[in-house]
Amino acid sequence: MKLEIITPNIHLHYDNVHYVSLPSIQGECGILPQHVHAAIALQKGVLQYKEGDTTTSYPISDGVAIVKENVVRVLTESIAL
C-alpha cells in the first residue's frame, strides 16, 4: 500500500508499505493492506510504518488520516524527521 504524510511544509511519499501504526485519539490504530475506508482523528504521538523488514518511526502532531483504496494519507501540522 502507499503512505503519504503531508504537512504545510513537507510531502513524503512511500510506495511499498506493509503496515502503518497511527496515534489515534482512541489509541493506537494499525493499518494493513486492503483496510476498509476510514477517517481517523490523530493525536500527538508516533507514526510507524514497515517497508519489508525495516520499521521507521516519526513523531507527529495531531491531525487526520484518510484510508482509501490502499492509500494511507496522513495530514498533520508537523513531523519530526
N, C-alpha and C. Protein backbone atom coordinates (compact mmCIF):
# COMPACT_ATOMS: atom_id res chain seq x y z
N MET A 1 0.85 -1.17 0.00
CA MET A 1 0.00 0.00 0.00
C MET A 1 0.89 1.22 0.00
N LYS A 2 0.28 2.38 -0.23
CA LYS A 2 1.03 3.63 -0.27
C LYS A 2 0.77 4.43 1.01
N LEU A 3 1.79 5.19 1.43
CA LEU A 3 1.67 6.08 2.57
C LEU A 3 2.10 7.47 2.14
N GLU A 4 1.25 8.45 2.40
CA GLU A 4 1.59 9.85 2.17
C GLU A 4 1.49 10.58 3.50
N ILE A 5 2.50 11.37 3.82
CA ILE A 5 2.49 12.20 5.02
C ILE A 5 2.61 13.63 4.54
N ILE A 6 1.60 14.43 4.86
CA ILE A 6 1.53 15.79 4.34
C ILE A 6 1.44 16.78 5.50
N THR A 7 2.35 17.75 5.51
CA THR A 7 2.32 18.87 6.45
C THR A 7 2.27 20.14 5.60
N PRO A 8 2.13 21.31 6.22
CA PRO A 8 2.17 22.54 5.43
C PRO A 8 3.50 22.72 4.68
N ASN A 9 4.59 22.08 5.16
CA ASN A 9 5.91 22.30 4.56
C ASN A 9 6.52 21.07 3.89
N ILE A 10 5.98 19.89 4.14
CA ILE A 10 6.62 18.65 3.68
C ILE A 10 5.55 17.73 3.08
N HIS A 11 5.94 17.03 2.01
CA HIS A 11 5.09 15.98 1.44
C HIS A 11 5.97 14.74 1.23
N LEU A 12 5.78 13.72 2.09
CA LEU A 12 6.54 12.48 1.98
C LEU A 12 5.67 11.42 1.34
N HIS A 13 6.29 10.53 0.55
CA HIS A 13 5.54 9.52 -0.19
C HIS A 13 6.32 8.20 -0.16
N TYR A 14 5.67 7.12 0.26
CA TYR A 14 6.27 5.79 0.30
C TYR A 14 5.35 4.82 -0.43
N ASP A 15 5.90 3.98 -1.30
CA ASP A 15 5.08 3.14 -2.18
C ASP A 15 4.88 1.70 -1.72
N ASN A 16 5.79 1.12 -0.97
CA ASN A 16 5.73 -0.31 -0.63
C ASN A 16 5.61 -0.56 0.86
N VAL A 17 4.62 0.05 1.48
CA VAL A 17 4.41 -0.06 2.92
C VAL A 17 3.51 -1.26 3.21
N HIS A 18 3.90 -2.05 4.21
CA HIS A 18 3.13 -3.25 4.57
C HIS A 18 2.32 -3.08 5.85
N TYR A 19 2.60 -2.01 6.63
CA TYR A 19 1.90 -1.78 7.89
C TYR A 19 2.11 -0.33 8.30
N VAL A 20 1.06 0.30 8.82
CA VAL A 20 1.15 1.66 9.37
C VAL A 20 0.49 1.65 10.74
N SER A 21 1.15 2.24 11.72
CA SER A 21 0.59 2.41 13.06
C SER A 21 0.44 3.90 13.31
N LEU A 22 -0.77 4.30 13.72
CA LEU A 22 -1.08 5.72 13.90
C LEU A 22 -1.53 5.99 15.34
N PRO A 23 -1.18 7.16 15.89
CA PRO A 23 -1.63 7.53 17.23
C PRO A 23 -3.01 8.18 17.19
N SER A 24 -4.06 7.37 17.12
CA SER A 24 -5.41 7.93 17.03
C SER A 24 -5.86 8.42 18.40
N ILE A 25 -6.93 9.22 18.41
CA ILE A 25 -7.43 9.73 19.69
C ILE A 25 -8.06 8.63 20.53
N GLN A 26 -8.30 7.46 19.94
CA GLN A 26 -8.86 6.33 20.67
C GLN A 26 -7.81 5.27 20.98
N GLY A 27 -6.53 5.58 20.74
CA GLY A 27 -5.44 4.63 20.97
C GLY A 27 -4.75 4.30 19.67
N GLU A 28 -3.78 3.40 19.75
CA GLU A 28 -3.01 3.02 18.56
C GLU A 28 -3.92 2.35 17.53
N CYS A 29 -3.74 2.74 16.28
CA CYS A 29 -4.55 2.20 15.19
C CYS A 29 -3.61 1.59 14.15
N GLY A 30 -3.75 0.30 13.89
CA GLY A 30 -2.93 -0.39 12.91
C GLY A 30 -3.65 -0.51 11.58
N ILE A 31 -2.94 -0.22 10.50
CA ILE A 31 -3.50 -0.28 9.15
C ILE A 31 -2.69 -1.30 8.34
N LEU A 32 -3.38 -2.27 7.77
CA LEU A 32 -2.78 -3.27 6.88
C LEU A 32 -3.32 -3.06 5.47
N PRO A 33 -2.67 -3.64 4.44
CA PRO A 33 -3.21 -3.54 3.09
C PRO A 33 -4.66 -4.02 3.04
N GLN A 34 -5.43 -3.42 2.15
CA GLN A 34 -6.85 -3.72 1.95
C GLN A 34 -7.73 -3.31 3.13
N HIS A 35 -7.25 -2.39 3.97
CA HIS A 35 -8.04 -1.87 5.10
C HIS A 35 -9.29 -1.19 4.56
N VAL A 36 -10.37 -1.26 5.32
CA VAL A 36 -11.60 -0.57 4.91
C VAL A 36 -11.35 0.93 4.87
N HIS A 37 -12.15 1.64 4.09
CA HIS A 37 -12.04 3.09 4.03
C HIS A 37 -12.32 3.66 5.41
N ALA A 38 -11.53 4.67 5.82
CA ALA A 38 -11.69 5.23 7.16
C ALA A 38 -11.13 6.64 7.22
N ALA A 39 -11.68 7.43 8.12
CA ALA A 39 -11.13 8.73 8.51
C ALA A 39 -10.79 8.60 9.99
N ILE A 40 -9.54 8.88 10.35
CA ILE A 40 -9.06 8.64 11.70
C ILE A 40 -8.51 9.94 12.29
N ALA A 41 -9.07 10.37 13.41
CA ALA A 41 -8.57 11.56 14.10
C ALA A 41 -7.30 11.18 14.85
N LEU A 42 -6.25 11.97 14.67
CA LEU A 42 -4.95 11.67 15.27
C LEU A 42 -4.63 12.62 16.41
N GLN A 43 -3.89 12.11 17.38
CA GLN A 43 -3.35 12.94 18.44
C GLN A 43 -1.83 12.94 18.33
N LYS A 44 -1.19 13.83 19.05
CA LYS A 44 0.27 13.88 19.06
C LYS A 44 0.80 12.52 19.51
N GLY A 45 1.78 12.00 18.79
CA GLY A 45 2.34 10.70 19.11
C GLY A 45 3.32 10.25 18.05
N VAL A 46 3.45 8.94 17.89
CA VAL A 46 4.43 8.38 16.96
C VAL A 46 3.73 7.61 15.85
N LEU A 47 4.04 7.97 14.61
CA LEU A 47 3.61 7.22 13.44
C LEU A 47 4.72 6.23 13.11
N GLN A 48 4.36 4.98 12.86
CA GLN A 48 5.33 3.97 12.45
C GLN A 48 4.84 3.32 11.18
N TYR A 49 5.79 2.92 10.33
CA TYR A 49 5.42 2.14 9.15
C TYR A 49 6.52 1.12 8.86
N LYS A 50 6.12 0.03 8.19
CA LYS A 50 7.06 -1.03 7.84
C LYS A 50 7.16 -1.14 6.33
N GLU A 51 8.40 -1.19 5.88
CA GLU A 51 8.72 -1.50 4.48
C GLU A 51 9.66 -2.69 4.52
N GLY A 52 9.17 -3.86 4.11
CA GLY A 52 9.99 -5.06 4.22
C GLY A 52 10.28 -5.35 5.68
N ASP A 53 11.56 -5.50 6.02
CA ASP A 53 11.97 -5.76 7.40
C ASP A 53 12.31 -4.50 8.18
N THR A 54 12.15 -3.34 7.56
CA THR A 54 12.53 -2.08 8.19
C THR A 54 11.32 -1.36 8.76
N THR A 55 11.40 -0.99 10.03
CA THR A 55 10.37 -0.18 10.67
C THR A 55 10.92 1.22 10.89
N THR A 56 10.15 2.23 10.49
CA THR A 56 10.55 3.63 10.64
C THR A 56 9.51 4.33 11.51
N SER A 57 9.98 5.20 12.40
CA SER A 57 9.10 5.94 13.31
C SER A 57 9.33 7.43 13.18
N TYR A 58 8.24 8.20 13.22
CA TYR A 58 8.30 9.65 13.20
C TYR A 58 7.33 10.21 14.23
N PRO A 59 7.79 11.10 15.11
CA PRO A 59 6.84 11.82 15.97
C PRO A 59 6.03 12.80 15.10
N ILE A 60 4.72 12.83 15.33
CA ILE A 60 3.85 13.74 14.60
C ILE A 60 2.96 14.50 15.57
N SER A 61 2.40 15.61 15.09
CA SER A 61 1.41 16.34 15.88
C SER A 61 0.03 15.79 15.54
N ASP A 62 -1.00 16.38 16.11
CA ASP A 62 -2.35 15.88 15.82
C ASP A 62 -2.72 16.19 14.38
N GLY A 63 -3.78 15.55 13.92
CA GLY A 63 -4.22 15.72 12.54
C GLY A 63 -5.29 14.70 12.20
N VAL A 64 -5.28 14.26 10.95
CA VAL A 64 -6.25 13.28 10.49
C VAL A 64 -5.57 12.35 9.48
N ALA A 65 -6.02 11.10 9.44
CA ALA A 65 -5.56 10.15 8.44
C ALA A 65 -6.78 9.67 7.65
N ILE A 66 -6.61 9.59 6.35
CA ILE A 66 -7.66 9.09 5.46
C ILE A 66 -7.13 7.79 4.84
N VAL A 67 -7.89 6.72 4.99
CA VAL A 67 -7.52 5.43 4.40
C VAL A 67 -8.53 5.14 3.30
N LYS A 68 -8.03 5.01 2.06
CA LYS A 68 -8.93 4.76 0.94
C LYS A 68 -8.15 4.11 -0.20
N GLU A 69 -8.69 3.01 -0.72
CA GLU A 69 -8.13 2.34 -1.90
C GLU A 69 -6.64 2.06 -1.77
N ASN A 70 -6.25 1.47 -0.63
CA ASN A 70 -4.86 1.06 -0.37
C ASN A 70 -3.88 2.23 -0.28
N VAL A 71 -4.39 3.41 0.08
CA VAL A 71 -3.55 4.59 0.33
C VAL A 71 -3.88 5.11 1.72
N VAL A 72 -2.83 5.34 2.52
CA VAL A 72 -2.99 5.98 3.83
C VAL A 72 -2.42 7.38 3.68
N ARG A 73 -3.28 8.38 3.81
CA ARG A 73 -2.88 9.78 3.67
C ARG A 73 -2.98 10.44 5.04
N VAL A 74 -1.84 10.87 5.58
CA VAL A 74 -1.78 11.48 6.90
C VAL A 74 -1.59 12.98 6.73
N LEU A 75 -2.53 13.76 7.26
CA LEU A 75 -2.45 15.22 7.23
C LEU A 75 -2.19 15.68 8.65
N THR A 76 -1.04 16.29 8.87
CA THR A 76 -0.63 16.69 10.21
C THR A 76 0.06 18.04 10.16
N GLU A 77 0.04 18.76 11.25
CA GLU A 77 0.66 20.08 11.31
C GLU A 77 2.19 19.99 11.25
N SER A 78 2.76 18.93 11.89
CA SER A 78 4.23 18.83 11.89
C SER A 78 4.67 17.39 12.07
N ILE A 79 5.89 17.12 11.60
CA ILE A 79 6.53 15.81 11.72
C ILE A 79 8.00 16.05 12.03
N ALA A 80 8.57 15.24 12.91
CA ALA A 80 9.98 15.36 13.25
C ALA A 80 10.75 14.30 12.46
N LEU A 81 11.54 14.74 11.48
CA LEU A 81 12.30 13.80 10.64
C LEU A 81 13.66 13.54 11.22
